[in-house]
């Protein structure tokens, strides 16, 4: 509601927008079921979840894919890996990203086609 009242530019430029229910995040921005239901009702092709809330939940890209809606963001396996400090560091090292020294320095894994790393080496 604050963005609407502030006449936010991203809302002014949108072809359409949907207000989310008020209350705790579990009732709106973090509610995967509600996001998918709203996307289906609005007949969208894709969803960009912004930042925080459900954008960090691997269940969102999975749920959207299940109903044929594209998720504009990382795949669920990548999102899962990035939410784990060790897995994300191994992913970074495997991609040749410089990392600060740690006890797993030099550990790499073969990056899978979906961008994830395997559970076991």
PDB file of N, CA and C in Angstrom:
ATOM      1  N   UNK A   1       0.831  -1.195   0.000  1.00  0.00           N
ATOM      2  CA  UNK A   1       0.000   0.000   0.000  1.00  0.00           C
ATOM      3  C   UNK A   1       0.873   1.254   0.000  1.00  0.00           C
ATOM      4  N   UNK A   2       2.002   1.214   0.718  1.00  0.00           N
ATOM      5  CA  UNK A   2       2.882   2.380   0.777  1.00  0.00           C
ATOM      6  C   UNK A   2       3.373   2.777  -0.614  1.00  0.00           C
ATOM      7  N   UNK A   3       3.723   1.774  -1.444  1.00  0.00           N
ATOM      8  CA  UNK A   3       4.193   2.078  -2.795  1.00  0.00           C
ATOM      9  C   UNK A   3       3.105   2.747  -3.627  1.00  0.00           C
ATOM     10  N   UNK A   4       1.866   2.297  -3.446  1.00  0.00           N
ATOM     11  CA  UNK A   4       0.749   2.904  -4.174  1.00  0.00           C
ATOM     12  C   UNK A   4       0.561   4.362  -3.761  1.00  0.00           C
ATOM     13  N   UNK A   5       0.586   4.582  -2.454  1.00  0.00           N
ATOM     14  CA  UNK A   5       0.379   5.938  -1.944  1.00  0.00           C
ATOM     15  C   UNK A   5       1.541   6.860  -2.308  1.00  0.00           C
ATOM     16  N   UNK A   6       2.733   6.297  -2.446  1.00  0.00           N
ATOM     17  CA  UNK A   6       3.899   7.099  -2.814  1.00  0.00           C
ATOM     18  C   UNK A   6       3.968   7.313  -4.316  1.00  0.00           C
ATOM     19  N   UNK A   7       3.031   6.720  -5.063  1.00  0.00           N
ATOM     20  CA  UNK A   7       3.008   6.844  -6.515  1.00  0.00           C
ATOM     21  C   UNK A   7       4.345   6.383  -7.102  1.00  0.00           C
ATOM     22  N   UNK A   8       4.818   5.231  -6.653  1.00  0.00           N
ATOM     23  CA  UNK A   8       6.111   4.694  -7.058  1.00  0.00           C
ATOM     24  C   UNK A   8       6.202   4.562  -8.572  1.00  0.00           C
ATOM     25  N   UNK A   9       7.368   4.915  -9.111  1.00  0.00           N
ATOM     26  CA  UNK A   9       7.553   4.913 -10.562  1.00  0.00           C
ATOM     27  C   UNK A   9       7.327   3.533 -11.169  1.00  0.00           C
ATOM     28  N   UNK A  10       7.795   2.478 -10.503  1.00  0.00           N
ATOM     29  CA  UNK A  10       7.623   1.148 -11.075  1.00  0.00           C
ATOM     30  C   UNK A  10       6.148   0.768 -11.182  1.00  0.00           C
ATOM     31  N   UNK A  11       5.303   1.330 -10.338  1.00  0.00           N
ATOM     32  CA  UNK A  11       3.862   1.081 -10.446  1.00  0.00           C
ATOM     33  C   UNK A  11       3.264   1.943 -11.560  1.00  0.00           C
ATOM     34  N   UNK A  12       3.694   3.183 -11.642  1.00  0.00           N
ATOM     35  CA  UNK A  12       3.192   4.059 -12.715  1.00  0.00           C
ATOM     36  C   UNK A  12       3.527   3.501 -14.094  1.00  0.00           C
ATOM     37  N   UNK A  13       4.685   2.859 -14.240  1.00  0.00           N
ATOM     38  CA  UNK A  13       5.121   2.337 -15.528  1.00  0.00           C
ATOM     39  C   UNK A  13       4.526   0.967 -15.860  1.00  0.00           C
ATOM     40  N   UNK A  14       3.960   0.310 -14.889  1.00  0.00           N
ATOM     41  CA  UNK A  14       3.412  -1.035 -15.111  1.00  0.00           C
ATOM     42  C   UNK A  14       2.129  -0.989 -15.915  1.00  0.00           C
ATOM     43  N   UNK A  15       1.917  -2.014 -16.730  1.00  0.00           N
ATOM     44  CA  UNK A  15       0.654  -2.151 -17.452  1.00  0.00           C
ATOM     45  C   UNK A  15      -0.470  -2.467 -16.482  1.00  0.00           C
ATOM     46  N   UNK A  16      -0.143  -3.210 -15.435  1.00  0.00           N
ATOM     47  CA  UNK A  16      -1.122  -3.586 -14.414  1.00  0.00           C
ATOM     48  C   UNK A  16      -0.371  -3.936 -13.142  1.00  0.00           C
ATOM     49  N   UNK A  17      -1.063  -3.928 -12.035  1.00  0.00           N
ATOM     50  CA  UNK A  17      -0.484  -4.358 -10.767  1.00  0.00           C
ATOM     51  C   UNK A  17      -1.580  -4.995  -9.939  1.00  0.00           C
ATOM     52  N   UNK A  18      -1.159  -5.797  -8.984  1.00  0.00           N
ATOM     53  CA  UNK A  18      -2.090  -6.486  -8.103  1.00  0.00           C
ATOM     54  C   UNK A  18      -1.685  -6.156  -6.672  1.00  0.00           C
ATOM     55  N   UNK A  19      -2.613  -5.631  -5.908  1.00  0.00           N
ATOM     56  CA  UNK A  19      -2.333  -5.369  -4.496  1.00  0.00           C
ATOM     57  C   UNK A  19      -2.290  -6.688  -3.745  1.00  0.00           C
ATOM     58  N   UNK A  20      -1.362  -6.802  -2.822  1.00  0.00           N
ATOM     59  CA  UNK A  20      -1.271  -8.008  -2.008  1.00  0.00           C
ATOM     60  C   UNK A  20      -2.052  -7.800  -0.726  1.00  0.00           C
ATOM     61  N   UNK A  21      -2.526  -8.896  -0.135  1.00  0.00           N
ATOM     62  CA  UNK A  21      -3.253  -8.764   1.131  1.00  0.00           C
ATOM     63  C   UNK A  21      -2.356  -8.157   2.207  1.00  0.00           C
ATOM     64  N   UNK A  22      -2.929  -7.399   3.103  1.00  0.00           N
ATOM     65  CA  UNK A  22      -2.125  -6.822   4.189  1.00  0.00           C
ATOM     66  C   UNK A  22      -1.739  -7.891   5.207  1.00  0.00           C
ATOM     67  N   UNK A  23      -0.859  -7.515   6.097  1.00  0.00           N
ATOM     68  CA  UNK A  23      -0.507  -8.406   7.193  1.00  0.00           C
ATOM     69  C   UNK A  23       0.892  -8.950   7.094  1.00  0.00           C
ATOM     70  N   UNK A  24       1.131 -10.037   7.821  1.00  0.00           N
ATOM     71  CA  UNK A  24       2.446 -10.652   7.884  1.00  0.00           C
ATOM     72  C   UNK A  24       2.857 -11.206   6.518  1.00  0.00           C
ATOM     73  N   UNK A  25       4.176 -11.343   6.318  1.00  0.00           N
ATOM     74  CA  UNK A  25       4.703 -11.858   5.052  1.00  0.00           C
ATOM     75  C   UNK A  25       4.109 -13.200   4.651  1.00  0.00           C
ATOM     76  N   UNK A  26       3.779 -14.024   5.626  1.00  0.00           N
ATOM     77  CA  UNK A  26       3.212 -15.329   5.294  1.00  0.00           C
ATOM     78  C   UNK A  26       1.845 -15.197   4.638  1.00  0.00           C
ATOM     79  N   UNK A  27       1.239 -14.023   4.724  1.00  0.00           N
ATOM     80  CA  UNK A  27      -0.051 -13.770   4.077  1.00  0.00           C
ATOM     81  C   UNK A  27       0.101 -13.156   2.695  1.00  0.00           C
ATOM     82  N   UNK A  28       1.313 -12.753   2.313  1.00  0.00           N
ATOM     83  CA  UNK A  28       1.456 -12.059   1.033  1.00  0.00           C
ATOM     84  C   UNK A  28       2.792 -12.359   0.355  1.00  0.00           C
ATOM     85  N   UNK A  29       3.798 -11.546   0.594  1.00  0.00           N
ATOM     86  CA  UNK A  29       5.053 -11.623  -0.153  1.00  0.00           C
ATOM     87  C   UNK A  29       5.797 -12.942  -0.008  1.00  0.00           C
ATOM     88  N   UNK A  30       5.625 -13.654   1.075  1.00  0.00           N
ATOM     89  CA  UNK A  30       6.321 -14.921   1.284  1.00  0.00           C
ATOM     90  C   UNK A  30       5.405 -16.119   1.044  1.00  0.00           C
ATOM     91  N   UNK A  31       4.183 -15.875   0.603  1.00  0.00           N
ATOM     92  CA  UNK A  31       3.204 -16.941   0.432  1.00  0.00           C
ATOM     93  C   UNK A  31       3.271 -17.480  -0.999  1.00  0.00           C
ATOM     94  N   UNK A  32       4.007 -18.569  -1.181  1.00  0.00           N
ATOM     95  CA  UNK A  32       4.220 -19.146  -2.509  1.00  0.00           C
ATOM     96  C   UNK A  32       2.882 -19.506  -3.163  1.00  0.00           C
ATOM     97  N   UNK A  33       2.001 -20.130  -2.423  1.00  0.00           N
ATOM     98  CA  UNK A  33       0.702 -20.538  -2.976  1.00  0.00           C
ATOM     99  C   UNK A  33      -0.078 -19.322  -3.485  1.00  0.00           C
ATOM    100  N   UNK A  34      -0.077 -18.238  -2.724  1.00  0.00           N
ATOM    101  CA  UNK A  34      -0.775 -17.022  -3.138  1.00  0.00           C
ATOM    102  C   UNK A  34      -0.137 -16.412  -4.385  1.00  0.00           C
ATOM    103  N   UNK A  35       1.177 -16.406  -4.440  1.00  0.00           N
ATOM    104  CA  UNK A  35       1.867 -15.848  -5.613  1.00  0.00           C
ATOM    105  C   UNK A  35       1.512 -16.647  -6.860  1.00  0.00           C
ATOM    106  N   UNK A  36       1.550 -17.966  -6.761  1.00  0.00           N
ATOM    107  CA  UNK A  36       1.223 -18.810  -7.910  1.00  0.00           C
ATOM    108  C   UNK A  36      -0.238 -18.634  -8.299  1.00  0.00           C
ATOM    109  N   UNK A  37      -1.125 -18.616  -7.320  1.00  0.00           N
ATOM    110  CA  UNK A  37      -2.561 -18.428  -7.594  1.00  0.00           C
ATOM    111  C   UNK A  37      -2.798 -17.075  -8.279  1.00  0.00           C
ATOM    112  N   UNK A  38      -2.165 -16.033  -7.800  1.00  0.00           N
ATOM    113  CA  UNK A  38      -2.324 -14.703  -8.396  1.00  0.00           C
ATOM    114  C   UNK A  38      -1.770 -14.683  -9.814  1.00  0.00           C
ATOM    115  N   UNK A  39      -0.618 -15.304 -10.018  1.00  0.00           N
ATOM    116  CA  UNK A  39      -0.024 -15.362 -11.361  1.00  0.00           C
ATOM    117  C   UNK A  39      -0.944 -16.083 -12.333  1.00  0.00           C
ATOM    118  N   UNK A  40      -1.543 -17.169 -11.887  1.00  0.00           N
ATOM    119  CA  UNK A  40      -2.475 -17.912 -12.748  1.00  0.00           C
ATOM    120  C   UNK A  40      -3.723 -17.082 -13.034  1.00  0.00           C
ATOM    121  N   UNK A  41      -4.262 -16.447 -12.002  1.00  0.00           N
ATOM    122  CA  UNK A  41      -5.465 -15.628 -12.167  1.00  0.00           C
ATOM    123  C   UNK A  41      -5.217 -14.481 -13.142  1.00  0.00           C
ATOM    124  N   UNK A  42      -4.022 -13.893 -13.068  1.00  0.00           N
ATOM    125  CA  UNK A  42      -3.669 -12.772 -13.932  1.00  0.00           C
ATOM    126  C   UNK A  42      -3.180 -13.226 -15.309  1.00  0.00           C
ATOM    127  N   UNK A  43      -3.065 -14.551 -15.507  1.00  0.00           N
ATOM    128  CA  UNK A  43      -2.649 -15.132 -16.780  1.00  0.00           C
ATOM    129  C   UNK A  43      -1.293 -14.588 -17.240  1.00  0.00           C
ATOM    130  N   UNK A  44      -0.327 -14.589 -16.320  1.00  0.00           N
ATOM    131  CA  UNK A  44       1.001 -14.068 -16.651  1.00  0.00           C
ATOM    132  C   UNK A  44       1.868 -15.150 -17.278  1.00  0.00           C
ATOM    133  N   UNK A  45       2.884 -14.725 -18.002  1.00  0.00           N
ATOM    134  CA  UNK A  45       3.851 -15.643 -18.596  1.00  0.00           C
ATOM    135  C   UNK A  45       5.013 -15.919 -17.665  1.00  0.00           C
ATOM    136  N   UNK A  46       5.346 -14.931 -16.821  1.00  0.00           N
ATOM    137  CA  UNK A  46       6.493 -15.084 -15.940  1.00  0.00           C
ATOM    138  C   UNK A  46       6.304 -14.240 -14.684  1.00  0.00           C
ATOM    139  N   UNK A  47       7.117 -14.557 -13.677  1.00  0.00           N
ATOM    140  CA  UNK A  47       7.066 -13.840 -12.406  1.00  0.00           C
ATOM    141  C   UNK A  47       8.487 -13.427 -12.027  1.00  0.00           C
ATOM    142  N   UNK A  48       8.660 -12.148 -11.732  1.00  0.00           N
ATOM    143  CA  UNK A  48       9.895 -11.657 -11.119  1.00  0.00           C
ATOM    144  C   UNK A  48       9.531 -11.332  -9.684  1.00  0.00           C
ATOM    145  N   UNK A  49      10.120 -12.054  -8.725  1.00  0.00           N
ATOM    146  CA  UNK A  49       9.686 -11.906  -7.343  1.00  0.00           C
ATOM    147  C   UNK A  49      10.317 -10.758  -6.577  1.00  0.00           C
ATOM    148  N   UNK A  50      11.171  -9.987  -7.199  1.00  0.00           N
ATOM    149  CA  UNK A  50      11.824  -8.903  -6.470  1.00  0.00           C
ATOM    150  C   UNK A  50      12.936  -9.454  -5.615  1.00  0.00           C
ATOM    151  N   UNK A  51      13.010  -9.026  -4.372  1.00  0.00           N
ATOM    152  CA  UNK A  51      14.083  -9.451  -3.475  1.00  0.00           C
ATOM    153  C   UNK A  51      13.478  -9.800  -2.127  1.00  0.00           C
ATOM    154  N   UNK A  52      14.158 -10.691  -1.429  1.00  0.00           N
ATOM    155  CA  UNK A  52      13.660 -11.108  -0.121  1.00  0.00           C
ATOM    156  C   UNK A  52      12.399 -11.942  -0.225  1.00  0.00           C
ATOM    157  N   UNK A  53      11.826 -12.249   0.893  1.00  0.00           N
ATOM    158  CA  UNK A  53      10.563 -12.986   0.984  1.00  0.00           C
ATOM    159  C   UNK A  53      10.612 -14.273   0.160  1.00  0.00           C
ATOM    160  N   UNK A  54       9.670 -14.477  -0.748  1.00  0.00           N
ATOM    161  CA  UNK A  54       9.600 -15.714  -1.525  1.00  0.00           C
ATOM    162  C   UNK A  54      10.676 -15.798  -2.601  1.00  0.00           C
ATOM    163  N   UNK A  55      11.328 -14.683  -2.916  1.00  0.00           N
ATOM    164  CA  UNK A  55      12.368 -14.728  -3.948  1.00  0.00           C
ATOM    165  C   UNK A  55      13.541 -15.594  -3.518  1.00  0.00           C
ATOM    166  N   UNK A  56      13.621 -15.909  -2.243  1.00  0.00           N
ATOM    167  CA  UNK A  56      14.702 -16.742  -1.715  1.00  0.00           C
ATOM    168  C   UNK A  56      14.228 -18.155  -1.392  1.00  0.00           C
ATOM    169  N   UNK A  57      13.017 -18.490  -1.788  1.00  0.00           N
ATOM    170  CA  UNK A  57      12.425 -19.778  -1.451  1.00  0.00           C
ATOM    171  C   UNK A  57      12.415 -20.683  -2.690  1.00  0.00           C
ATOM    172  N   UNK A  58      13.184 -21.782  -2.678  1.00  0.00           N
ATOM    173  CA  UNK A  58      13.210 -22.676  -3.836  1.00  0.00           C
ATOM    174  C   UNK A  58      11.841 -23.242  -4.215  1.00  0.00           C
ATOM    175  N   UNK A  59      10.878 -23.194  -3.310  1.00  0.00           N
ATOM    176  CA  UNK A  59       9.538 -23.695  -3.626  1.00  0.00           C
ATOM    177  C   UNK A  59       8.851 -22.830  -4.682  1.00  0.00           C
ATOM    178  N   UNK A  60       9.205 -21.540  -4.768  1.00  0.00           N
ATOM    179  CA  UNK A  60       8.532 -20.661  -5.724  1.00  0.00           C
ATOM    180  C   UNK A  60       8.837 -21.031  -7.174  1.00  0.00           C
ATOM    181  N   UNK A  61      10.105 -21.157  -7.595  1.00  0.00           N
ATOM    182  CA  UNK A  61      10.317 -21.552  -8.994  1.00  0.00           C
ATOM    183  C   UNK A  61       9.761 -22.933  -9.308  1.00  0.00           C
ATOM    184  N   UNK A  62       9.796 -23.828  -8.330  1.00  0.00           N
ATOM    185  CA  UNK A  62       9.223 -25.169  -8.558  1.00  0.00           C
ATOM    186  C   UNK A  62       7.717 -25.086  -8.773  1.00  0.00           C
ATOM    187  N   UNK A  63       7.029 -24.337  -7.918  1.00  0.00           N
ATOM    188  CA  UNK A  63       5.565 -24.224  -8.006  1.00  0.00           C
ATOM    189  C   UNK A  63       5.147 -23.528  -9.299  1.00  0.00           C
ATOM    190  N   UNK A  64       5.884 -22.502  -9.682  1.00  0.00           N
ATOM    191  CA  UNK A  64       5.558 -21.802 -10.931  1.00  0.00           C
ATOM    192  C   UNK A  64       5.776 -22.718 -12.131  1.00  0.00           C
ATOM    193  N   UNK A  65       6.892 -23.437 -12.142  1.00  0.00           N
ATOM    194  CA  UNK A  65       7.173 -24.357 -13.257  1.00  0.00           C
ATOM    195  C   UNK A  65       6.084 -25.418 -13.375  1.00  0.00           C
ATOM    196  N   UNK A  66       5.553 -25.857 -12.248  1.00  0.00           N
ATOM    197  CA  UNK A  66       4.521 -26.894 -12.250  1.00  0.00           C
ATOM    198  C   UNK A  66       3.248 -26.449 -12.963  1.00  0.00           C
ATOM    199  N   UNK A  67       3.027 -25.129 -13.023  1.00  0.00           N
ATOM    200  CA  UNK A  67       1.836 -24.621 -13.713  1.00  0.00           C
ATOM    201  C   UNK A  67       2.197 -23.899 -15.006  1.00  0.00           C
ATOM    202  N   UNK A  68       3.441 -24.067 -15.457  1.00  0.00           N
ATOM    203  CA  UNK A  68       3.850 -23.522 -16.750  1.00  0.00           C
ATOM    204  C   UNK A  68       4.177 -22.039 -16.760  1.00  0.00           C
ATOM    205  N   UNK A  69       4.533 -21.482 -15.623  1.00  0.00           N
ATOM    206  CA  UNK A  69       4.880 -20.058 -15.547  1.00  0.00           C
ATOM    207  C   UNK A  69       6.383 -19.946 -15.292  1.00  0.00           C
ATOM    208  N   UNK A  70       7.041 -19.092 -16.068  1.00  0.00           N
ATOM    209  CA  UNK A  70       8.483 -18.907 -15.944  1.00  0.00           C
ATOM    210  C   UNK A  70       8.823 -18.068 -14.713  1.00  0.00           C
ATOM    211  N   UNK A  71       9.889 -18.461 -14.045  1.00  0.00           N
ATOM    212  CA  UNK A  71      10.408 -17.725 -12.901  1.00  0.00           C
ATOM    213  C   UNK A  71      11.635 -16.955 -13.371  1.00  0.00           C
ATOM    214  N   UNK A  72      11.631 -15.652 -13.197  1.00  0.00           N
ATOM    215  CA  UNK A  72      12.780 -14.835 -13.587  1.00  0.00           C
ATOM    216  C   UNK A  72      13.747 -14.758 -12.411  1.00  0.00           C
ATOM    217  N   UNK A  73      14.616 -15.720 -12.347  1.00  0.00           N
ATOM    218  CA  UNK A  73      15.573 -15.807 -11.259  1.00  0.00           C
ATOM    219  C   UNK A  73      16.282 -17.139 -11.337  1.00  0.00           C
ATOM    220  N   UNK A  74      17.047 -17.468 -10.312  1.00  0.00           N
ATOM    221  CA  UNK A  74      17.791 -18.731 -10.339  1.00  0.00           C
ATOM    222  C   UNK A  74      16.862 -19.936 -10.246  1.00  0.00           C
ATOM    223  N   UNK A  75      17.371 -21.066 -10.713  1.00  0.00           N
ATOM    224  CA  UNK A  75      16.601 -22.302 -10.591  1.00  0.00           C
ATOM    225  C   UNK A  75      16.496 -22.683  -9.113  1.00  0.00           C
ATOM    226  N   UNK A  76      15.557 -23.546  -8.805  1.00  0.00           N
ATOM    227  CA  UNK A  76      15.383 -23.981  -7.420  1.00  0.00           C
ATOM    228  C   UNK A  76      16.653 -24.628  -6.858  1.00  0.00           C
ATOM    229  N   UNK A  77      17.347 -25.514  -7.613  1.00  0.00           N
ATOM    230  CA  UNK A  77      18.567 -26.097  -7.054  1.00  0.00           C
ATOM    231  C   UNK A  77      19.664 -25.053  -6.778  1.00  0.00           C
ATOM    232  N   UNK A  78      19.800 -24.093  -7.661  1.00  0.00           N
ATOM    233  CA  UNK A  78      20.797 -23.038  -7.445  1.00  0.00           C
ATOM    234  C   UNK A  78      20.402 -22.204  -6.231  1.00  0.00           C
ATOM    235  N   UNK A  79      19.129 -21.859  -6.140  1.00  0.00           N
ATOM    236  CA  UNK A  79      18.648 -21.086  -5.002  1.00  0.00           C
ATOM    237  C   UNK A  79      18.928 -21.832  -3.700  1.00  0.00           C
ATOM    238  N   UNK A  80      18.715 -23.131  -3.722  1.00  0.00           N
ATOM    239  CA  UNK A  80      18.981 -23.948  -2.537  1.00  0.00           C
ATOM    240  C   UNK A  80      20.471 -23.899  -2.192  1.00  0.00           C
ATOM    241  N   UNK A  81      21.331 -24.057  -3.192  1.00  0.00           N
ATOM    242  CA  UNK A  81      22.781 -24.028  -2.955  1.00  0.00           C
ATOM    243  C   UNK A  81      23.227 -22.669  -2.444  1.00  0.00           C
ATOM    244  N   UNK A  82      22.672 -21.610  -2.989  1.00  0.00           N
ATOM    245  CA  UNK A  82      23.082 -20.271  -2.569  1.00  0.00           C
ATOM    246  C   UNK A  82      22.619 -19.940  -1.155  1.00  0.00           C
ATOM    247  N   UNK A  83      21.622 -20.681  -0.668  1.00  0.00           N
ATOM    248  CA  UNK A  83      21.157 -20.476   0.693  1.00  0.00           C
ATOM    249  C   UNK A  83      21.976 -21.232   1.728  1.00  0.00           C
ATOM    250  N   UNK A  84      22.952 -21.988   1.264  1.00  0.00           N
ATOM    251  CA  UNK A  84      23.821 -22.765   2.144  1.00  0.00           C
ATOM    252  C   UNK A  84      25.239 -22.217   2.002  1.00  0.00           C
ATOM    253  N   UNK A  85      25.837 -21.759   3.098  1.00  0.00           N
ATOM    254  CA  UNK A  85      27.149 -21.095   3.026  1.00  0.00           C
ATOM    255  C   UNK A  85      28.226 -21.998   2.432  1.00  0.00           C
ATOM    256  N   UNK A  86      28.253 -23.257   2.813  1.00  0.00           N
ATOM    257  CA  UNK A  86      29.286 -24.142   2.290  1.00  0.00           C
ATOM    258  C   UNK A  86      29.039 -24.436   0.818  1.00  0.00           C
ATOM    259  N   UNK A  87      27.804 -24.811   0.471  1.00  0.00           N
ATOM    260  CA  UNK A  87      27.485 -25.124  -0.922  1.00  0.00           C
ATOM    261  C   UNK A  87      27.711 -23.913  -1.826  1.00  0.00           C
ATOM    262  N   UNK A  88      27.343 -22.721  -1.352  1.00  0.00           N
ATOM    263  CA  UNK A  88      27.520 -21.529  -2.180  1.00  0.00           C
ATOM    264  C   UNK A  88      28.999 -21.215  -2.386  1.00  0.00           C
ATOM    265  N   UNK A  89      29.827 -21.483  -1.376  1.00  0.00           N
ATOM    266  CA  UNK A  89      31.266 -21.250  -1.533  1.00  0.00           C
ATOM    267  C   UNK A  89      31.876 -22.261  -2.493  1.00  0.00           C
ATOM    268  N   UNK A  90      31.448 -23.513  -2.410  1.00  0.00           N
ATOM    269  CA  UNK A  90      31.927 -24.524  -3.360  1.00  0.00           C
ATOM    270  C   UNK A  90      31.487 -24.157  -4.768  1.00  0.00           C
ATOM    271  N   UNK A  91      30.256 -23.696  -4.920  1.00  0.00           N
ATOM    272  CA  UNK A  91      29.759 -23.255  -6.227  1.00  0.00           C
ATOM    273  C   UNK A  91      30.616 -22.108  -6.759  1.00  0.00           C
ATOM    274  N   UNK A  92      30.919 -21.138  -5.896  1.00  0.00           N
ATOM    275  CA  UNK A  92      31.753 -20.004  -6.308  1.00  0.00           C
ATOM    276  C   UNK A  92      33.150 -20.475  -6.693  1.00  0.00           C
ATOM    277  N   UNK A  93      33.771 -21.315  -5.860  1.00  0.00           N
ATOM    278  CA  UNK A  93      35.110 -21.827  -6.168  1.00  0.00           C
ATOM    279  C   UNK A  93      35.112 -22.600  -7.479  1.00  0.00           C
ATOM    280  N   UNK A  94      34.054 -23.370  -7.734  1.00  0.00           N
ATOM    281  CA  UNK A  94      33.949 -24.155  -8.962  1.00  0.00           C
ATOM    282  C   UNK A  94      33.837 -23.270 -10.184  1.00  0.00           C
ATOM    283  N   UNK A  95      33.332 -22.064  -9.973  1.00  0.00           N
ATOM    284  CA  UNK A  95      33.182 -21.087 -11.073  1.00  0.00           C
ATOM    285  C   UNK A  95      34.377 -20.150 -11.154  1.00  0.00           C
ATOM    286  N   UNK A  96      35.413 -20.442 -10.378  1.00  0.00           N
ATOM    287  CA  UNK A  96      36.650 -19.653 -10.352  1.00  0.00           C
ATOM    288  C   UNK A  96      36.460 -18.253  -9.775  1.00  0.00           C
ATOM    289  N   UNK A  97      35.489 -18.097  -8.889  1.00  0.00           N
ATOM    290  CA  UNK A  97      35.280 -16.828  -8.196  1.00  0.00           C
ATOM    291  C   UNK A  97      36.233 -16.797  -7.005  1.00  0.00           C
ATOM    292  N   UNK A  98      37.030 -15.731  -6.857  1.00  0.00           N
ATOM    293  CA  UNK A  98      37.929 -15.671  -5.702  1.00  0.00           C
ATOM    294  C   UNK A  98      37.128 -15.694  -4.392  1.00  0.00           C
ATOM    295  N   UNK A  99      37.597 -16.506  -3.459  1.00  0.00           N
ATOM    296  CA  UNK A  99      36.931 -16.642  -2.157  1.00  0.00           C
ATOM    297  C   UNK A  99      37.952 -16.426  -1.050  1.00  0.00           C
ATOM    298  N   UNK A 100      37.483 -15.987   0.104  1.00  0.00           N
ATOM    299  CA  UNK A 100      38.392 -15.843   1.233  1.00  0.00           C
ATOM    300  C   UNK A 100      38.808 -17.237   1.705  1.00  0.00           C
ATOM    301  N   UNK A 101      40.002 -17.368   2.255  1.00  0.00           N
ATOM    302  CA  UNK A 101      40.463 -18.680   2.700  1.00  0.00           C
ATOM    303  C   UNK A 101      39.523 -19.289   3.750  1.00  0.00           C
ATOM    304  N   UNK A 102      39.319 -20.588   3.651  1.00  0.00           N
ATOM    305  CA  UNK A 102      38.523 -21.336   4.618  1.00  0.00           C
ATOM    306  C   UNK A 102      39.001 -22.777   4.592  1.00  0.00           C
ATOM    307  N   UNK A 103      38.488 -23.636   5.460  1.00  0.00           N
ATOM    308  CA  UNK A 103      39.000 -24.996   5.540  1.00  0.00           C
ATOM    309  C   UNK A 103      38.584 -25.868   4.359  1.00  0.00           C
ATOM    310  N   UNK A 104      37.755 -25.375   3.466  1.00  0.00           N
ATOM    311  CA  UNK A 104      37.377 -26.097   2.258  1.00  0.00           C
ATOM    312  C   UNK A 104      37.993 -25.483   1.016  1.00  0.00           C
ATOM    313  N   UNK A 105      39.034 -24.689   1.221  1.00  0.00           N
ATOM    314  CA  UNK A 105      39.684 -24.010   0.093  1.00  0.00           C
ATOM    315  C   UNK A 105      40.126 -25.023  -0.957  1.00  0.00           C
ATOM    316  N   UNK A 106      39.815 -24.748  -2.201  1.00  0.00           N
ATOM    317  CA  UNK A 106      40.194 -25.625  -3.296  1.00  0.00           C
ATOM    318  C   UNK A 106      39.175 -26.698  -3.616  1.00  0.00           C
ATOM    319  N   UNK A 107      38.183 -26.893  -2.757  1.00  0.00           N
ATOM    320  CA  UNK A 107      37.142 -27.889  -3.026  1.00  0.00           C
ATOM    321  C   UNK A 107      36.269 -27.362  -4.161  1.00  0.00           C
ATOM    322  N   UNK A 108      36.099 -28.175  -5.181  1.00  0.00           N
ATOM    323  CA  UNK A 108      35.234 -27.800  -6.305  1.00  0.00           C
ATOM    324  C   UNK A 108      34.311 -28.968  -6.615  1.00  0.00           C
ATOM    325  N   UNK A 109      33.337 -28.699  -7.421  1.00  0.00           N
ATOM    326  CA  UNK A 109      32.396 -29.727  -7.862  1.00  0.00           C
ATOM    327  C   UNK A 109      32.035 -29.431  -9.305  1.00  0.00           C
ATOM    328  N   UNK A 110      31.597 -30.450 -10.004  1.00  0.00           N
ATOM    329  CA  UNK A 110      31.159 -30.257 -11.381  1.00  0.00           C
ATOM    330  C   UNK A 110      29.795 -29.572 -11.358  1.00  0.00           C
ATOM    331  N   UNK A 111      29.714 -28.413 -11.986  1.00  0.00           N
ATOM    332  CA  UNK A 111      28.447 -27.686 -12.012  1.00  0.00           C
ATOM    333  C   UNK A 111      27.508 -28.384 -12.990  1.00  0.00           C
ATOM    334  N   UNK A 112      26.317 -28.687 -12.520  1.00  0.00           N
ATOM    335  CA  UNK A 112      25.319 -29.401 -13.304  1.00  0.00           C
ATOM    336  C   UNK A 112      24.660 -28.475 -14.332  1.00  0.00           C
ATOM    337  N   UNK A 113      23.985 -29.031 -15.320  1.00  0.00           N
ATOM    338  CA  UNK A 113      23.324 -28.187 -16.333  1.00  0.00           C
ATOM    339  C   UNK A 113      22.326 -27.178 -15.767  1.00  0.00           C
ATOM    340  N   UNK A 114      21.714 -27.487 -14.607  1.00  0.00           N
ATOM    341  CA  UNK A 114      20.763 -26.543 -14.017  1.00  0.00           C
ATOM    342  C   UNK A 114      21.464 -25.496 -13.151  1.00  0.00           C
ATOM    343  N   UNK A 115      22.814 -25.525 -13.109  1.00  0.00           N
ATOM    344  CA  UNK A 115      23.568 -24.545 -12.344  1.00  0.00           C
ATOM    345  C   UNK A 115      23.874 -24.961 -10.940  1.00  0.00           C
ATOM    346  N   UNK A 116      23.410 -26.134 -10.535  1.00  0.00           N
ATOM    347  CA  UNK A 116      23.626 -26.596  -9.173  1.00  0.00           C
ATOM    348  C   UNK A 116      24.899 -27.424  -9.073  1.00  0.00           C
ATOM    349  N   UNK A 117      25.201 -27.832  -7.851  1.00  0.00           N
ATOM    350  CA  UNK A 117      26.308 -28.775  -7.648  1.00  0.00           C
ATOM    351  C   UNK A 117      25.710 -30.065  -7.097  1.00  0.00           C
ATOM    352  N   UNK A 118      26.352 -31.201  -7.383  1.00  0.00           N
ATOM    353  CA  UNK A 118      25.789 -32.466  -6.885  1.00  0.00           C
ATOM    354  C   UNK A 118      25.873 -32.551  -5.373  1.00  0.00           C
ATOM    355  N   UNK A 119      24.989 -33.345  -4.795  1.00  0.00           N
ATOM    356  CA  UNK A 119      24.956 -33.550  -3.339  1.00  0.00           C
ATOM    357  C   UNK A 119      26.240 -34.197  -2.866  1.00  0.00           C
ATOM    358  N   UNK A 120      26.751 -35.162  -3.595  1.00  0.00           N
ATOM    359  CA  UNK A 120      27.955 -35.907  -3.226  1.00  0.00           C
ATOM    360  C   UNK A 120      29.011 -35.689  -4.312  1.00  0.00           C
ATOM    361  N   UNK A 121      30.299 -35.639  -3.925  1.00  0.00           N
ATOM    362  CA  UNK A 121      31.362 -35.481  -4.937  1.00  0.00           C
ATOM    363  C   UNK A 121      31.502 -36.698  -5.822  1.00  0.00           C
TER     364      UNK A 121
END
